[in-house]
Amino acid sequence: MSGSLAGDPGGVRAVLIDADGVLQLNPPGWNDDVRSFVAPDRADAFTEDLWAAEKAALRGECSFVDVVREVADRWGFTGREDELLAHWRRVEVSDETLAVVRALRALGLACHLVTNQNDVRAAYLRDEVGYGDLLDTVFCSCELGTTKDDPAFFEHVRATLDLPYDALLLVDDGPAYVETAQALGIRAVGWEIPDGVAALRARLAAQGLRLPG
């Protein structure tokens, strides 16, 4: 491993980083834009149906394009599928989180993306947002066939990286995913962008990863 860590890293050799809520947020008005495809009095039921239908695409059982076609047909806006899909290609990346990722990598730690995504958004994040270049590996649920609430997700990550669980540290905004990782022996901290980057640095320091600056 190149570089040196400030303080005792406690055996951590790789950091697993979530996308939504940690590296990025949806742009302001994103939810309202999605809800606008149906009348206001139907918007709650529509979004519940859409999120439920997306779960199959998150697990890689089908393309999200097909999901959107079926939902559009069911809710009466056939022909506007591309408009809805475009919203899954919109994110606002946190420059402060990216700076932490770069600092971790500069110190010699590998950093890997671990995220629940459908195939449309996964390709966008890897190729257009640039996570494929920024991070050492991109692990997406649609490609692993399971989501992060399933221990099999992290088992696949561990096997691919060929590291013991206690050499991994997860940063995630989802309590259920933090708990799943911890149950396997992965060190895991809960954090989301609104908490502020100082809180992230403090939580990493509590795990032995004290960044300079």
Protein backbone atom coordinates (compact mmCIF):
# COMPACT_ATOMS: atom_id res chain seq x y z
CA MET A 1 0.00 0.00 0.00
CA SER A 2 1.41 3.37 -0.97
CA GLY A 3 1.35 6.43 1.26
CA SER A 4 0.87 6.47 5.03
CA LEU A 5 -2.11 6.95 7.29
CA ALA A 6 -2.21 9.58 10.01
CA GLY A 7 -2.67 7.56 13.18
CA ASP A 8 -3.50 3.87 13.47
CA PRO A 9 -5.80 2.74 10.65
CA GLY A 10 -6.75 -0.29 12.73
CA GLY A 11 -6.41 -2.63 9.79
CA VAL A 12 -8.75 -0.75 7.42
CA ARG A 13 -7.56 -1.26 3.88
CA ALA A 14 -10.54 -0.18 1.80
CA VAL A 15 -13.41 2.27 2.20
CA LEU A 16 -16.83 1.46 0.73
CA ILE A 17 -18.77 4.60 -0.18
CA ASP A 18 -22.47 4.98 -0.91
CA ALA A 19 -23.68 7.21 -3.75
CA ASP A 20 -27.08 8.78 -3.01
CA GLY A 21 -26.92 10.82 0.17
CA VAL A 22 -23.16 10.46 0.58
CA LEU A 23 -21.46 11.33 -2.71
CA GLN A 24 -24.45 13.06 -4.28
CA LEU A 25 -27.97 14.39 -3.87
CA ASN A 26 -30.84 14.73 -6.29
CA PRO A 27 -31.13 18.32 -7.58
CA PRO A 28 -33.66 20.64 -5.90
CA GLY A 29 -37.16 19.96 -7.17
CA TRP A 30 -36.30 16.43 -8.33
CA ASN A 31 -39.18 14.77 -6.47
CA ASP A 32 -41.65 17.39 -7.66
CA ASP A 33 -40.49 16.89 -11.25
CA VAL A 34 -41.13 13.13 -11.02
CA ARG A 35 -44.51 13.62 -9.35
CA SER A 36 -45.56 16.06 -12.10
CA PHE A 37 -46.15 13.22 -14.57
CA VAL A 38 -49.57 12.67 -13.04
CA ALA A 39 -52.25 14.87 -11.46
CA PRO A 40 -51.39 16.14 -7.96
CA ASP A 41 -54.09 14.06 -6.29
CA ARG A 42 -52.55 10.90 -7.80
CA ALA A 43 -48.89 11.75 -7.21
CA ASP A 44 -48.43 9.84 -3.95
CA ALA A 45 -49.86 6.63 -5.37
CA PHE A 46 -47.87 7.09 -8.58
CA THR A 47 -44.50 7.48 -6.86
CA GLU A 48 -45.21 4.55 -4.54
CA ASP A 49 -45.95 2.42 -7.59
CA LEU A 50 -42.83 3.65 -9.38
CA TRP A 51 -40.49 2.97 -6.43
CA ALA A 52 -42.01 -0.48 -5.96
CA ALA A 53 -41.65 -1.28 -9.66
CA GLU A 54 -38.03 -0.07 -9.69
CA LYS A 55 -36.99 -2.70 -7.14
CA ALA A 56 -36.76 -5.38 -9.82
CA ALA A 57 -34.41 -3.16 -11.84
CA LEU A 58 -32.33 -2.45 -8.73
CA ARG A 59 -31.78 -6.21 -8.43
CA GLY A 60 -30.92 -6.50 -12.12
CA GLU A 61 -33.97 -8.58 -12.94
CA CYS A 62 -34.98 -6.24 -15.77
CA SER A 63 -33.98 -2.95 -17.36
CA PHE A 64 -35.30 0.23 -15.82
CA VAL A 65 -36.33 1.26 -19.34
CA ASP A 66 -38.85 -1.59 -19.34
CA VAL A 67 -40.03 -0.62 -15.86
CA VAL A 68 -40.71 2.95 -16.96
CA ARG A 69 -42.56 1.76 -20.07
CA GLU A 70 -44.86 -0.39 -17.95
CA VAL A 71 -45.43 2.38 -15.40
CA ALA A 72 -46.11 4.95 -18.14
CA ASP A 73 -48.67 2.65 -19.70
CA ARG A 74 -50.31 2.00 -16.35
CA TRP A 75 -50.53 5.69 -15.45
CA GLY A 76 -51.44 7.05 -18.86
CA PHE A 77 -48.40 8.99 -20.03
CA THR A 78 -47.14 6.66 -22.76
CA GLY A 79 -44.75 8.47 -25.10
CA ARG A 80 -43.09 10.44 -22.30
CA GLU A 81 -40.88 7.62 -21.04
CA ASP A 82 -37.65 9.35 -22.07
CA GLU A 83 -38.68 12.45 -20.13
CA LEU A 84 -39.07 10.42 -16.95
CA LEU A 85 -35.86 8.44 -17.52
CA ALA A 86 -33.94 11.71 -17.89
CA HIS A 87 -34.48 12.43 -14.20
CA TRP A 88 -32.36 9.38 -13.31
CA ARG A 89 -29.50 11.10 -15.14
CA ARG A 90 -29.49 14.14 -12.85
CA VAL A 91 -27.42 14.43 -9.68
CA GLU A 92 -25.56 17.08 -7.74
CA VAL A 93 -22.20 15.74 -6.61
CA SER A 94 -20.79 16.93 -3.27
CA ASP A 95 -17.36 18.48 -3.85
CA GLU A 96 -16.61 18.17 -0.13
CA THR A 97 -17.25 14.43 -0.13
CA LEU A 98 -15.15 14.05 -3.25
CA ALA A 99 -12.31 15.85 -1.47
CA VAL A 100 -12.50 13.32 1.37
CA VAL A 101 -12.42 10.45 -1.13
CA ARG A 102 -9.35 11.91 -2.81
CA ALA A 103 -7.66 12.38 0.56
CA LEU A 104 -8.33 8.76 1.49
CA ARG A 105 -6.92 7.53 -1.81
CA ALA A 106 -3.90 9.81 -1.51
CA LEU A 107 -3.13 8.14 1.81
CA GLY A 108 -3.08 4.74 0.15
CA LEU A 109 -6.59 3.49 0.90
CA ALA A 110 -8.64 1.96 -1.90
CA CYS A 111 -12.12 3.49 -2.24
CA HIS A 112 -15.01 1.63 -3.82
CA LEU A 113 -18.55 2.71 -4.69
CA VAL A 114 -21.30 0.49 -3.21
CA THR A 115 -24.75 1.53 -4.30
CA ASN A 116 -28.29 0.40 -5.06
CA GLN A 117 -28.92 1.53 -8.65
CA ASN A 118 -30.88 0.51 -11.70
CA ASP A 119 -29.00 -0.05 -14.95
CA VAL A 120 -29.79 3.39 -16.41
CA ARG A 121 -28.49 5.32 -13.43
CA ALA A 122 -25.56 2.96 -12.87
CA ALA A 123 -24.22 3.63 -16.36
CA TYR A 124 -24.74 7.37 -15.91
CA LEU A 125 -22.85 7.46 -12.61
CA ARG A 126 -19.97 5.33 -13.85
CA ASP A 127 -19.45 6.91 -17.25
CA GLU A 128 -20.89 10.43 -17.23
CA VAL A 129 -20.50 11.51 -13.63
CA GLY A 130 -17.10 9.83 -13.63
CA TYR A 131 -17.21 7.51 -10.63
CA GLY A 132 -15.58 4.84 -12.75
CA ASP A 133 -12.44 6.97 -12.85
CA LEU A 134 -12.65 8.47 -9.36
CA LEU A 135 -13.13 5.18 -7.50
CA ASP A 136 -11.24 1.91 -7.66
CA THR A 137 -14.33 -0.23 -8.24
CA VAL A 138 -18.03 0.44 -8.80
CA PHE A 139 -20.34 -2.12 -7.18
CA CYS A 140 -23.97 -1.60 -8.27
CA SER A 141 -26.89 -3.71 -7.08
CA CYS A 142 -28.26 -4.16 -10.60
CA GLU A 143 -25.00 -5.87 -11.59
CA LEU A 144 -24.65 -7.94 -8.41
CA GLY A 145 -28.24 -9.17 -8.49
CA THR A 146 -29.03 -8.02 -4.97
CA THR A 147 -29.32 -4.87 -2.88
CA LYS A 148 -27.40 -3.72 0.19
CA ASP A 149 -29.96 -4.97 2.70
CA ASP A 150 -28.89 -8.48 1.67
CA PRO A 151 -25.61 -9.76 3.18
CA ALA A 152 -24.88 -11.35 -0.21
CA PHE A 153 -24.15 -7.86 -1.59
CA PHE A 154 -21.29 -7.30 0.83
CA GLU A 155 -20.17 -10.91 0.59
CA HIS A 156 -19.67 -10.36 -3.14
CA VAL A 157 -17.74 -7.14 -2.49
CA ARG A 158 -15.48 -8.82 0.06
CA ALA A 159 -14.77 -11.78 -2.22
CA THR A 160 -14.02 -9.53 -5.19
CA LEU A 161 -11.62 -7.39 -3.16
CA ASP A 162 -10.11 -10.49 -1.50
CA LEU A 163 -10.05 -8.79 1.90
CA PRO A 164 -11.41 -9.82 5.31
CA TYR A 165 -14.58 -8.08 6.42
CA ASP A 166 -12.81 -6.19 9.21
CA ALA A 167 -10.47 -4.60 6.65
CA LEU A 168 -13.46 -2.82 5.08
CA LEU A 169 -15.13 0.38 6.26
CA LEU A 170 -18.54 1.46 4.92
CA VAL A 171 -19.83 5.04 4.78
CA ASP A 172 -23.58 4.99 4.13
CA ASP A 173 -26.66 7.09 4.91
CA GLY A 174 -28.93 4.04 5.18
CA PRO A 175 -29.20 2.64 8.74
CA ALA A 176 -30.34 -0.75 7.43
CA TYR A 177 -27.27 -1.02 5.20
CA VAL A 178 -24.96 0.03 8.03
CA GLU A 179 -26.50 -2.68 10.21
CA THR A 180 -26.20 -5.32 7.48
CA ALA A 181 -22.52 -4.50 7.03
CA GLN A 182 -21.80 -4.44 10.75
CA ALA A 183 -23.47 -7.83 11.22
CA LEU A 184 -20.86 -9.26 8.84
CA GLY A 185 -17.97 -7.65 10.71
CA ILE A 186 -17.52 -4.67 8.40
CA ARG A 187 -16.79 -1.39 10.19
CA ALA A 188 -19.56 0.98 9.17
CA VAL A 189 -20.45 4.59 9.91
CA GLY A 190 -23.70 6.36 9.18
CA TRP A 191 -23.32 9.74 7.51
CA GLU A 192 -25.17 11.89 4.98
CA ILE A 193 -24.28 15.15 3.24
CA PRO A 194 -26.48 17.40 5.44
CA ASP A 195 -24.46 16.20 8.48
CA GLY A 196 -21.50 18.21 7.16
CA VAL A 197 -18.04 17.07 6.12
CA ALA A 198 -16.59 17.84 9.56
CA ALA A 199 -18.83 15.11 10.99
CA LEU A 200 -17.64 12.70 8.30
CA ARG A 201 -14.00 13.40 9.11
CA ALA A 202 -14.71 12.93 12.82
CA ARG A 203 -16.46 9.60 12.23
CA LEU A 204 -13.58 8.41 10.06
CA ALA A 205 -11.13 9.52 12.76
CA ALA A 206 -13.06 7.45 15.29
CA GLN A 207 -12.28 4.46 13.07
CA GLY A 208 -8.56 5.36 13.02
CA LEU A 209 -8.63 7.24 9.71
CA ARG A 210 -7.52 10.75 10.60
CA LEU A 211 -7.15 12.86 7.48
CA PRO A 212 -4.81 15.84 7.32
CA GLY A 213 -6.19 19.36 7.17
